[in-house]
């Protein structure tokens, strides 16, 4: 989380809304451990990582949907057997659970 604080502070100073995504669980192997975090500004800027790159694009989409009000905060799951996860590159053989929520000042 510390690696994304400067970006969050900058976005906040600019008056942007921000969503935070955190790895909250793993089943099997995963690219990042629980606690790994990523922040997404309402302009689509990204700081941090929840998967080392393999599902980042899908997580950004989820974060922007949460900020836009078309999705509620909650857990998004990507797993090897999940067609969407495979399509975005999660081939590590495990399942990752990512909690996405808006950051309220």
N, C-alpha and C. Protein backbone atom coordinates (compact mmCIF):
# COMPACT_ATOMS: atom_id res chain seq x y z
N UNK A 1 0.83 -1.19 0.00
CA UNK A 1 0.00 0.00 0.00
C UNK A 1 0.87 1.26 0.00
N UNK A 2 2.02 1.21 0.68
CA UNK A 2 2.87 2.39 0.76
C UNK A 2 3.32 2.88 -0.60
N UNK A 3 3.52 1.94 -1.55
CA UNK A 3 4.01 2.32 -2.87
C UNK A 3 3.02 3.16 -3.67
N UNK A 4 1.76 3.17 -3.27
CA UNK A 4 0.76 3.92 -4.04
C UNK A 4 0.31 5.20 -3.35
N UNK A 5 0.79 5.45 -2.15
CA UNK A 5 0.32 6.60 -1.38
C UNK A 5 0.62 7.94 -2.04
N UNK A 6 1.80 8.09 -2.63
CA UNK A 6 2.13 9.37 -3.27
C UNK A 6 1.18 9.67 -4.42
N UNK A 7 0.87 8.63 -5.22
CA UNK A 7 -0.06 8.83 -6.34
C UNK A 7 -1.46 9.16 -5.83
N UNK A 8 -1.90 8.45 -4.81
CA UNK A 8 -3.23 8.73 -4.24
C UNK A 8 -3.29 10.17 -3.73
N UNK A 9 -2.24 10.61 -3.04
CA UNK A 9 -2.20 11.97 -2.52
C UNK A 9 -2.24 12.99 -3.66
N UNK A 10 -1.49 12.73 -4.73
CA UNK A 10 -1.48 13.63 -5.89
C UNK A 10 -2.87 13.72 -6.52
N UNK A 11 -3.51 12.57 -6.72
CA UNK A 11 -4.85 12.55 -7.32
C UNK A 11 -5.85 13.28 -6.43
N UNK A 12 -5.73 13.06 -5.13
CA UNK A 12 -6.63 13.72 -4.19
C UNK A 12 -6.46 15.24 -4.26
N UNK A 13 -5.20 15.69 -4.33
CA UNK A 13 -4.93 17.12 -4.44
C UNK A 13 -5.53 17.69 -5.72
N UNK A 14 -5.57 16.89 -6.79
CA UNK A 14 -6.16 17.31 -8.06
C UNK A 14 -7.68 17.22 -8.06
N UNK A 15 -8.25 16.71 -6.97
CA UNK A 15 -9.71 16.60 -6.87
C UNK A 15 -10.30 15.38 -7.56
N UNK A 16 -9.44 14.42 -7.89
CA UNK A 16 -9.93 13.21 -8.57
C UNK A 16 -10.44 12.18 -7.57
N UNK A 17 -11.41 11.40 -8.03
CA UNK A 17 -11.88 10.26 -7.25
C UNK A 17 -10.93 9.09 -7.52
N UNK A 18 -10.81 8.19 -6.55
CA UNK A 18 -9.87 7.08 -6.63
C UNK A 18 -10.53 5.81 -6.13
N UNK A 19 -10.24 4.71 -6.79
CA UNK A 19 -10.65 3.38 -6.31
C UNK A 19 -9.38 2.62 -5.93
N UNK A 20 -9.50 1.79 -4.91
CA UNK A 20 -8.38 0.97 -4.47
C UNK A 20 -8.79 -0.50 -4.61
N UNK A 21 -7.88 -1.28 -5.17
CA UNK A 21 -8.08 -2.73 -5.30
C UNK A 21 -6.99 -3.42 -4.50
N UNK A 22 -7.38 -4.40 -3.68
CA UNK A 22 -6.41 -5.14 -2.86
C UNK A 22 -6.63 -6.63 -3.00
N UNK A 23 -5.54 -7.36 -3.08
CA UNK A 23 -5.63 -8.82 -3.06
C UNK A 23 -6.03 -9.22 -1.65
N UNK A 24 -7.16 -9.92 -1.52
CA UNK A 24 -7.64 -10.33 -0.21
C UNK A 24 -7.57 -11.84 -0.01
N UNK A 25 -7.25 -12.57 -1.07
CA UNK A 25 -7.14 -14.02 -0.92
C UNK A 25 -6.58 -14.68 -2.16
N UNK A 26 -5.99 -15.84 -1.94
CA UNK A 26 -5.44 -16.67 -3.01
C UNK A 26 -5.88 -18.10 -2.79
N UNK A 27 -6.20 -18.77 -3.86
CA UNK A 27 -6.42 -20.22 -3.82
C UNK A 27 -5.38 -20.79 -4.78
N UNK A 28 -4.47 -21.59 -4.28
CA UNK A 28 -3.38 -22.09 -5.11
C UNK A 28 -2.31 -21.03 -5.26
N UNK A 29 -1.60 -21.06 -6.38
CA UNK A 29 -0.54 -20.09 -6.58
C UNK A 29 -1.12 -18.81 -7.18
N UNK A 30 -0.45 -17.71 -6.88
CA UNK A 30 -0.89 -16.42 -7.41
C UNK A 30 0.30 -15.53 -7.65
N UNK A 31 0.12 -14.54 -8.49
CA UNK A 31 1.24 -13.66 -8.84
C UNK A 31 1.66 -12.70 -7.72
N UNK A 32 0.73 -12.28 -6.85
CA UNK A 32 1.04 -11.37 -5.75
C UNK A 32 0.36 -11.89 -4.50
N UNK A 33 0.94 -11.61 -3.36
CA UNK A 33 0.39 -12.06 -2.08
C UNK A 33 -0.77 -11.17 -1.62
N UNK A 34 -1.61 -11.69 -0.71
CA UNK A 34 -2.66 -10.85 -0.13
C UNK A 34 -2.04 -9.59 0.46
N UNK A 35 -2.74 -8.48 0.26
CA UNK A 35 -2.25 -7.19 0.71
C UNK A 35 -1.72 -6.34 -0.44
N UNK A 36 -1.35 -6.99 -1.55
CA UNK A 36 -0.89 -6.22 -2.71
C UNK A 36 -2.01 -5.28 -3.13
N UNK A 37 -1.65 -4.04 -3.49
CA UNK A 37 -2.68 -3.04 -3.77
C UNK A 37 -2.40 -2.27 -5.04
N UNK A 38 -3.49 -1.78 -5.61
CA UNK A 38 -3.43 -0.95 -6.80
C UNK A 38 -4.48 0.15 -6.63
N UNK A 39 -4.12 1.36 -7.06
CA UNK A 39 -5.07 2.47 -7.05
C UNK A 39 -5.32 2.90 -8.48
N UNK A 40 -6.56 3.32 -8.73
CA UNK A 40 -6.95 3.76 -10.06
C UNK A 40 -7.68 5.10 -9.91
N UNK A 41 -7.18 6.12 -10.63
CA UNK A 41 -7.86 7.42 -10.60
C UNK A 41 -9.04 7.39 -11.56
N UNK A 42 -9.94 8.34 -11.38
CA UNK A 42 -11.09 8.40 -12.28
C UNK A 42 -10.68 8.68 -13.72
N UNK A 43 -9.47 9.18 -13.93
CA UNK A 43 -8.95 9.41 -15.28
C UNK A 43 -8.27 8.18 -15.86
N UNK A 44 -8.24 7.09 -15.09
CA UNK A 44 -7.66 5.85 -15.58
C UNK A 44 -6.18 5.69 -15.32
N UNK A 45 -5.58 6.59 -14.54
CA UNK A 45 -4.18 6.42 -14.15
C UNK A 45 -4.10 5.30 -13.12
N UNK A 46 -3.00 4.56 -13.14
CA UNK A 46 -2.85 3.39 -12.27
C UNK A 46 -1.55 3.48 -11.49
N UNK A 47 -1.61 3.09 -10.23
CA UNK A 47 -0.42 2.98 -9.38
C UNK A 47 -0.49 1.64 -8.67
N UNK A 48 0.63 0.95 -8.57
CA UNK A 48 0.68 -0.33 -7.88
C UNK A 48 0.27 -1.47 -8.78
N UNK A 49 0.14 -2.65 -8.15
CA UNK A 49 -0.18 -3.86 -8.91
C UNK A 49 -0.82 -4.89 -8.00
N UNK A 50 -1.81 -5.60 -8.54
CA UNK A 50 -2.42 -6.70 -7.79
C UNK A 50 -2.06 -8.05 -8.38
N UNK A 51 -1.47 -8.03 -9.59
CA UNK A 51 -1.19 -9.32 -10.21
C UNK A 51 0.10 -9.36 -11.03
N UNK A 52 0.92 -8.37 -10.89
CA UNK A 52 2.15 -8.36 -11.68
C UNK A 52 1.90 -8.17 -13.15
N UNK A 53 0.72 -7.74 -13.52
CA UNK A 53 0.41 -7.44 -14.91
C UNK A 53 -0.62 -8.33 -15.56
N UNK A 54 -0.86 -9.53 -15.03
CA UNK A 54 -1.69 -10.47 -15.79
C UNK A 54 -3.19 -10.15 -15.77
N UNK A 55 -3.72 -9.53 -14.75
CA UNK A 55 -5.15 -9.16 -14.77
C UNK A 55 -5.36 -7.67 -14.49
N UNK A 56 -4.30 -6.89 -14.57
CA UNK A 56 -4.40 -5.47 -14.23
C UNK A 56 -5.49 -4.77 -15.05
N UNK A 57 -5.54 -5.02 -16.35
CA UNK A 57 -6.52 -4.35 -17.19
C UNK A 57 -7.95 -4.62 -16.76
N UNK A 58 -8.23 -5.86 -16.39
CA UNK A 58 -9.57 -6.22 -15.93
C UNK A 58 -9.88 -5.55 -14.59
N UNK A 59 -8.88 -5.44 -13.72
CA UNK A 59 -9.08 -4.79 -12.42
C UNK A 59 -9.31 -3.29 -12.62
N UNK A 60 -8.60 -2.65 -13.54
CA UNK A 60 -8.84 -1.24 -13.85
C UNK A 60 -10.28 -1.05 -14.32
N UNK A 61 -10.75 -1.93 -15.18
CA UNK A 61 -12.13 -1.85 -15.65
C UNK A 61 -13.11 -1.94 -14.49
N UNK A 62 -12.87 -2.86 -13.57
CA UNK A 62 -13.73 -3.00 -12.39
C UNK A 62 -13.68 -1.74 -11.53
N UNK A 63 -12.48 -1.19 -11.32
CA UNK A 63 -12.32 0.01 -10.49
C UNK A 63 -13.06 1.19 -11.11
N UNK A 64 -12.94 1.37 -12.41
CA UNK A 64 -13.64 2.47 -13.07
C UNK A 64 -15.15 2.29 -13.01
N UNK A 65 -15.62 1.06 -13.07
CA UNK A 65 -17.05 0.79 -12.94
C UNK A 65 -17.54 1.13 -11.54
N UNK A 66 -16.74 0.82 -10.53
CA UNK A 66 -17.09 1.18 -9.15
C UNK A 66 -17.14 2.70 -9.00
N UNK A 67 -16.14 3.39 -9.54
CA UNK A 67 -16.13 4.85 -9.48
C UNK A 67 -17.30 5.46 -10.25
N UNK A 68 -17.67 4.83 -11.36
CA UNK A 68 -18.76 5.33 -12.19
C UNK A 68 -20.14 5.00 -11.67
N UNK A 69 -20.21 4.17 -10.64
CA UNK A 69 -21.50 3.82 -10.05
C UNK A 69 -22.24 2.70 -10.75
N UNK A 70 -21.61 2.05 -11.72
CA UNK A 70 -22.28 0.96 -12.41
C UNK A 70 -22.04 -0.39 -11.72
N UNK A 71 -21.14 -0.41 -10.75
CA UNK A 71 -20.88 -1.61 -9.95
C UNK A 71 -20.72 -1.21 -8.50
N UNK A 72 -21.10 -2.11 -7.61
CA UNK A 72 -20.90 -1.90 -6.18
C UNK A 72 -19.49 -2.34 -5.79
N UNK A 73 -18.98 -1.78 -4.72
CA UNK A 73 -17.72 -2.28 -4.17
C UNK A 73 -17.88 -3.74 -3.85
N UNK A 74 -16.80 -4.50 -3.95
CA UNK A 74 -16.88 -5.91 -3.63
C UNK A 74 -15.70 -6.69 -4.16
N UNK A 75 -15.78 -8.00 -3.98
CA UNK A 75 -14.70 -8.90 -4.36
C UNK A 75 -14.90 -9.37 -5.80
N UNK A 76 -13.83 -9.31 -6.57
CA UNK A 76 -13.80 -9.82 -7.93
C UNK A 76 -12.80 -10.97 -7.92
N UNK A 77 -13.18 -12.09 -8.53
CA UNK A 77 -12.34 -13.28 -8.52
C UNK A 77 -11.87 -13.62 -9.92
N UNK A 78 -10.58 -13.93 -10.02
CA UNK A 78 -10.00 -14.38 -11.28
C UNK A 78 -9.29 -15.69 -11.01
N UNK A 79 -9.63 -16.71 -11.80
CA UNK A 79 -9.01 -18.02 -11.61
C UNK A 79 -8.65 -18.66 -12.93
N UNK A 80 -7.81 -19.64 -12.85
CA UNK A 80 -7.30 -20.30 -14.05
C UNK A 80 -8.43 -20.88 -14.89
N UNK A 81 -9.48 -21.40 -14.25
CA UNK A 81 -10.57 -22.01 -15.00
C UNK A 81 -11.59 -20.98 -15.48
N UNK A 82 -11.45 -19.76 -15.04
CA UNK A 82 -12.35 -18.69 -15.44
C UNK A 82 -11.94 -18.18 -16.82
N UNK A 83 -12.83 -18.29 -17.80
CA UNK A 83 -12.51 -17.88 -19.17
C UNK A 83 -12.03 -16.44 -19.25
N UNK A 84 -12.68 -15.55 -18.47
CA UNK A 84 -12.27 -14.14 -18.51
C UNK A 84 -10.85 -13.99 -17.98
N UNK A 85 -10.52 -14.66 -16.89
CA UNK A 85 -9.18 -14.56 -16.33
C UNK A 85 -8.14 -15.10 -17.30
N UNK A 86 -8.45 -16.20 -17.95
CA UNK A 86 -7.51 -16.76 -18.92
C UNK A 86 -7.31 -15.78 -20.08
N UNK A 87 -8.41 -15.14 -20.49
CA UNK A 87 -8.33 -14.20 -21.61
C UNK A 87 -7.46 -13.00 -21.28
N UNK A 88 -7.43 -12.57 -20.01
CA UNK A 88 -6.61 -11.42 -19.65
C UNK A 88 -5.22 -11.82 -19.18
N UNK A 89 -4.94 -13.13 -19.14
CA UNK A 89 -3.57 -13.55 -18.90
C UNK A 89 -3.24 -14.20 -17.58
N UNK A 90 -4.23 -14.55 -16.76
CA UNK A 90 -3.94 -15.20 -15.49
C UNK A 90 -3.72 -16.69 -15.75
N UNK A 91 -2.48 -17.06 -15.91
CA UNK A 91 -2.16 -18.45 -16.24
C UNK A 91 -1.31 -19.10 -15.16
N UNK A 92 -1.30 -18.53 -13.96
CA UNK A 92 -0.44 -19.04 -12.89
C UNK A 92 -1.00 -20.30 -12.25
N UNK A 93 -2.22 -20.67 -12.58
CA UNK A 93 -2.79 -21.90 -12.05
C UNK A 93 -3.61 -21.72 -10.80
N UNK A 94 -3.63 -20.54 -10.22
CA UNK A 94 -4.40 -20.31 -9.01
C UNK A 94 -5.57 -19.38 -9.25
N UNK A 95 -6.18 -18.96 -8.15
CA UNK A 95 -7.29 -18.02 -8.18
C UNK A 95 -6.95 -16.87 -7.25
N UNK A 96 -7.18 -15.64 -7.72
CA UNK A 96 -6.97 -14.47 -6.86
C UNK A 96 -8.29 -13.79 -6.62
N UNK A 97 -8.45 -13.28 -5.40
CA UNK A 97 -9.64 -12.56 -4.99
C UNK A 97 -9.21 -11.13 -4.69
N UNK A 98 -9.83 -10.18 -5.37
CA UNK A 98 -9.45 -8.77 -5.27
C UNK A 98 -10.66 -7.97 -4.81
N UNK A 99 -10.49 -7.22 -3.72
CA UNK A 99 -11.57 -6.35 -3.23
C UNK A 99 -11.37 -4.97 -3.84
N UNK A 100 -12.41 -4.45 -4.50
CA UNK A 100 -12.34 -3.15 -5.16
C UNK A 100 -13.34 -2.22 -4.50
N UNK A 101 -12.87 -1.03 -4.11
CA UNK A 101 -13.75 -0.07 -3.45
C UNK A 101 -13.32 1.36 -3.75
N UNK A 102 -14.26 2.29 -3.72
CA UNK A 102 -13.88 3.69 -3.88
C UNK A 102 -13.17 4.15 -2.62
N UNK A 103 -12.22 5.03 -2.76
CA UNK A 103 -11.52 5.60 -1.61
C UNK A 103 -12.25 6.88 -1.24
N UNK A 104 -12.88 6.86 -0.08
CA UNK A 104 -13.62 8.03 0.38
C UNK A 104 -12.71 8.89 1.24
N UNK A 105 -12.66 10.18 0.91
CA UNK A 105 -11.79 11.07 1.66
C UNK A 105 -12.42 11.37 2.99
